[in-house]
């Protein structure tokens, strides 16, 4: 049994699925967990009579668990590295490779296509062109360039351009529109 703040969490070994009972101030909930190695994207369905603070906290914990557990596999100098998304400044195509640069400007080759990385990276990442995705927390500044272009300068010194077709999404993500 595990006690966290004001709810009690009990796990009962039942054949399958794993079943849990959660109790909070007179309210109890039965939780089933089905472990499936073929599950590509975990999901939860909650049937509630009302939303409580504790349930909201549990949902937040689940969301955090999903983003905290994401690690990208990358290669550099014939070695394999595990990179957390928050350490990435930019992901882009360079020739036939999909590469990322970290906060320190180290270059890594990734094993996933750009469209898949865009899907799995969190809300701190935004596409700025057909070939680049940037971590908005790593942006130093944006400069207006010639012919309506916008140059993006990252904290690590790397520059890239925001294409016209992605400018609106970029501005919306930063809350500028």
Protein backbone atom coordinates (compact mmCIF):
# COMPACT_ATOMS: atom_id res chain seq x y z
CA UNK A 1 0.00 0.00 0.00
CA UNK A 2 1.30 3.45 -0.88
CA UNK A 3 0.04 6.66 0.70
CA UNK A 4 0.46 9.93 -1.19
CA UNK A 5 -0.97 13.19 0.21
CA UNK A 6 -4.62 12.46 0.94
CA UNK A 7 -5.33 9.25 -0.98
CA UNK A 8 -4.50 5.61 -0.38
CA UNK A 9 -3.35 3.42 -3.24
CA UNK A 10 -3.59 -0.38 -2.93
CA UNK A 11 -2.40 -2.91 -5.49
CA UNK A 12 -4.01 -6.33 -5.69
CA UNK A 13 -2.41 -9.11 -7.69
CA UNK A 14 -5.11 -10.50 -9.96
CA UNK A 15 -4.40 -12.62 -13.02
CA UNK A 16 -4.66 -9.89 -15.66
CA UNK A 17 -5.18 -6.98 -15.78
CA UNK A 18 -3.46 -5.54 -12.71
CA UNK A 19 -6.12 -4.03 -10.46
CA UNK A 20 -5.76 -1.18 -7.99
CA UNK A 21 -8.06 0.44 -5.46
CA UNK A 22 -7.62 4.13 -4.70
CA UNK A 23 -9.38 5.73 -1.71
CA UNK A 24 -9.75 9.42 -1.05
CA UNK A 25 -11.83 10.85 1.78
CA UNK A 26 -14.74 8.42 1.45
CA UNK A 27 -14.48 8.08 -2.34
CA UNK A 28 -12.90 4.94 -3.74
CA UNK A 29 -11.92 4.04 -7.28
CA UNK A 30 -11.00 0.76 -8.95
CA UNK A 31 -8.16 1.08 -11.48
CA UNK A 32 -7.22 -1.58 -14.02
CA UNK A 33 -3.86 -1.62 -15.77
CA UNK A 34 -3.42 -3.78 -18.84
CA UNK A 35 0.19 -4.42 -19.77
CA UNK A 36 0.56 -4.96 -23.53
CA UNK A 37 3.99 -4.99 -25.14
CA UNK A 38 2.38 -4.15 -28.49
CA UNK A 39 0.83 -0.94 -27.15
CA UNK A 40 2.42 1.92 -29.09
CA UNK A 41 0.73 4.80 -27.29
CA UNK A 42 -0.59 4.34 -23.74
CA UNK A 43 -3.95 5.87 -22.91
CA UNK A 44 -6.32 6.06 -19.96
CA UNK A 45 -10.09 6.27 -19.77
CA UNK A 46 -11.60 7.56 -16.53
CA UNK A 47 -15.29 7.17 -15.67
CA UNK A 48 -16.00 9.77 -12.98
CA UNK A 49 -19.00 11.23 -11.23
CA UNK A 50 -16.93 14.33 -10.43
CA UNK A 51 -13.42 15.70 -10.84
CA UNK A 52 -11.45 16.04 -7.63
CA UNK A 53 -8.15 17.71 -6.90
CA UNK A 54 -6.51 14.34 -6.31
CA UNK A 55 -7.68 12.96 -9.66
CA UNK A 56 -6.39 16.12 -11.36
CA UNK A 57 -3.03 15.55 -9.62
CA UNK A 58 -2.96 11.93 -10.78
CA UNK A 59 -3.63 13.04 -14.37
CA UNK A 60 -0.80 15.57 -14.08
CA UNK A 61 1.51 12.86 -12.73
CA UNK A 62 0.63 10.61 -15.70
CA UNK A 63 1.29 13.40 -18.18
CA UNK A 64 4.61 14.17 -16.53
CA UNK A 65 5.58 10.48 -16.49
CA UNK A 66 5.03 10.25 -20.25
CA UNK A 67 7.20 13.28 -21.07
CA UNK A 68 9.84 12.47 -18.43
CA UNK A 69 10.31 8.98 -19.81
CA UNK A 70 10.90 10.11 -23.41
CA UNK A 71 14.51 9.68 -24.43
CA UNK A 72 15.78 9.87 -27.98
CA UNK A 73 18.44 7.50 -29.22
CA UNK A 74 21.19 9.27 -31.12
CA UNK A 75 24.61 8.49 -32.53
CA UNK A 76 27.82 10.48 -32.43
CA UNK A 77 31.30 9.23 -33.34
CA UNK A 78 30.18 5.58 -33.46
CA UNK A 79 28.70 5.80 -29.95
CA UNK A 80 25.04 5.65 -28.92
CA UNK A 81 23.65 8.40 -26.69
CA UNK A 82 20.32 8.80 -24.89
CA UNK A 83 19.15 12.40 -25.12
CA UNK A 84 16.35 14.02 -23.16
CA UNK A 85 14.16 16.38 -25.23
CA UNK A 86 14.78 19.31 -22.89
CA UNK A 87 18.49 19.11 -23.78
CA UNK A 88 17.78 19.51 -27.50
CA UNK A 89 17.96 22.96 -29.07
CA UNK A 90 17.05 22.08 -32.66
CA UNK A 91 16.28 19.06 -34.82
CA UNK A 92 16.75 19.34 -38.58
CA UNK A 93 17.63 17.53 -41.75
CA UNK A 94 21.17 17.84 -43.02
CA UNK A 95 21.57 16.00 -46.29
CA UNK A 96 20.12 12.54 -45.72
CA UNK A 97 20.55 12.67 -41.93
CA UNK A 98 18.15 13.82 -39.24
CA UNK A 99 20.35 15.55 -36.66
CA UNK A 100 19.88 17.40 -33.42
CA UNK A 101 22.05 19.91 -31.65
CA UNK A 102 22.04 20.18 -27.89
CA UNK A 103 22.49 23.19 -25.62
CA UNK A 104 26.26 22.94 -26.05
CA UNK A 105 26.10 22.75 -29.85
CA UNK A 106 27.00 19.04 -29.93
CA UNK A 107 25.69 17.34 -33.07
CA UNK A 108 23.95 13.94 -32.93
CA UNK A 109 22.37 11.80 -35.65
CA UNK A 110 18.88 10.56 -34.79
CA UNK A 111 17.21 7.32 -35.85
CA UNK A 112 13.68 8.67 -36.42
CA UNK A 113 12.22 10.68 -39.30
CA UNK A 114 11.43 14.36 -38.73
CA UNK A 115 7.64 13.90 -38.92
CA UNK A 116 7.76 11.28 -36.16
CA UNK A 117 9.96 13.47 -33.96
CA UNK A 118 7.51 16.34 -34.43
CA UNK A 119 4.72 14.05 -33.22
CA UNK A 120 6.49 12.71 -30.12
CA UNK A 121 8.27 15.86 -28.91
CA UNK A 122 6.36 17.94 -26.39
CA UNK A 123 4.71 21.36 -26.62
CA UNK A 124 8.07 23.12 -26.24
CA UNK A 125 8.95 22.15 -29.82
CA UNK A 126 7.59 23.82 -32.93
CA UNK A 127 8.22 23.27 -36.62
CA UNK A 128 9.82 26.31 -38.27
CA UNK A 129 10.34 24.90 -41.77
CA UNK A 130 9.99 21.68 -43.75
CA UNK A 131 13.38 20.66 -42.45
CA UNK A 132 13.59 22.05 -38.87
CA UNK A 133 11.94 21.73 -35.47
CA UNK A 134 13.10 24.04 -32.68
CA UNK A 135 12.86 23.96 -28.88
CA UNK A 136 11.21 27.31 -28.06
CA UNK A 137 12.94 27.34 -24.66
CA UNK A 138 16.29 27.46 -26.45
CA UNK A 139 15.52 30.53 -28.58
CA UNK A 140 17.69 33.57 -27.90
CA UNK A 141 15.99 35.92 -30.36
CA UNK A 142 14.34 36.25 -33.76
CA UNK A 143 15.38 38.84 -36.35
CA UNK A 144 13.46 40.10 -39.36
CA UNK A 145 15.51 39.49 -42.48
CA UNK A 146 15.42 40.54 -46.11
CA UNK A 147 12.50 39.52 -48.32
CA UNK A 148 10.23 38.86 -45.34
CA UNK A 149 12.35 36.07 -43.87
CA UNK A 150 12.79 35.61 -40.14
CA UNK A 151 16.11 34.41 -38.75
CA UNK A 152 16.00 32.49 -35.50
CA UNK A 153 19.07 32.55 -33.24
CA UNK A 154 19.34 29.90 -30.52
CA UNK A 155 21.07 30.29 -27.16
CA UNK A 156 23.86 28.01 -28.37
CA UNK A 157 24.53 30.29 -31.36
CA UNK A 158 22.98 28.13 -34.08
CA UNK A 159 20.83 30.02 -36.58
CA UNK A 160 18.00 28.86 -38.82
CA UNK A 161 15.19 30.47 -40.77
CA UNK A 162 11.47 30.39 -40.10
CA UNK A 163 9.80 29.77 -43.44
CA UNK A 164 6.75 31.78 -44.44
CA UNK A 165 4.47 28.76 -44.36
CA UNK A 166 5.34 28.00 -40.71
CA UNK A 167 5.53 31.61 -39.46
CA UNK A 168 1.90 31.79 -38.29
CA UNK A 169 2.13 28.55 -36.28
CA UNK A 170 5.40 29.74 -34.77
CA UNK A 171 3.92 33.09 -33.73
CA UNK A 172 0.82 31.39 -32.28
CA UNK A 173 2.96 28.98 -30.26
CA UNK A 174 4.86 31.92 -28.77
CA UNK A 175 1.58 33.72 -28.04
CA UNK A 176 2.30 36.55 -30.47
CA UNK A 177 -0.96 36.18 -32.43
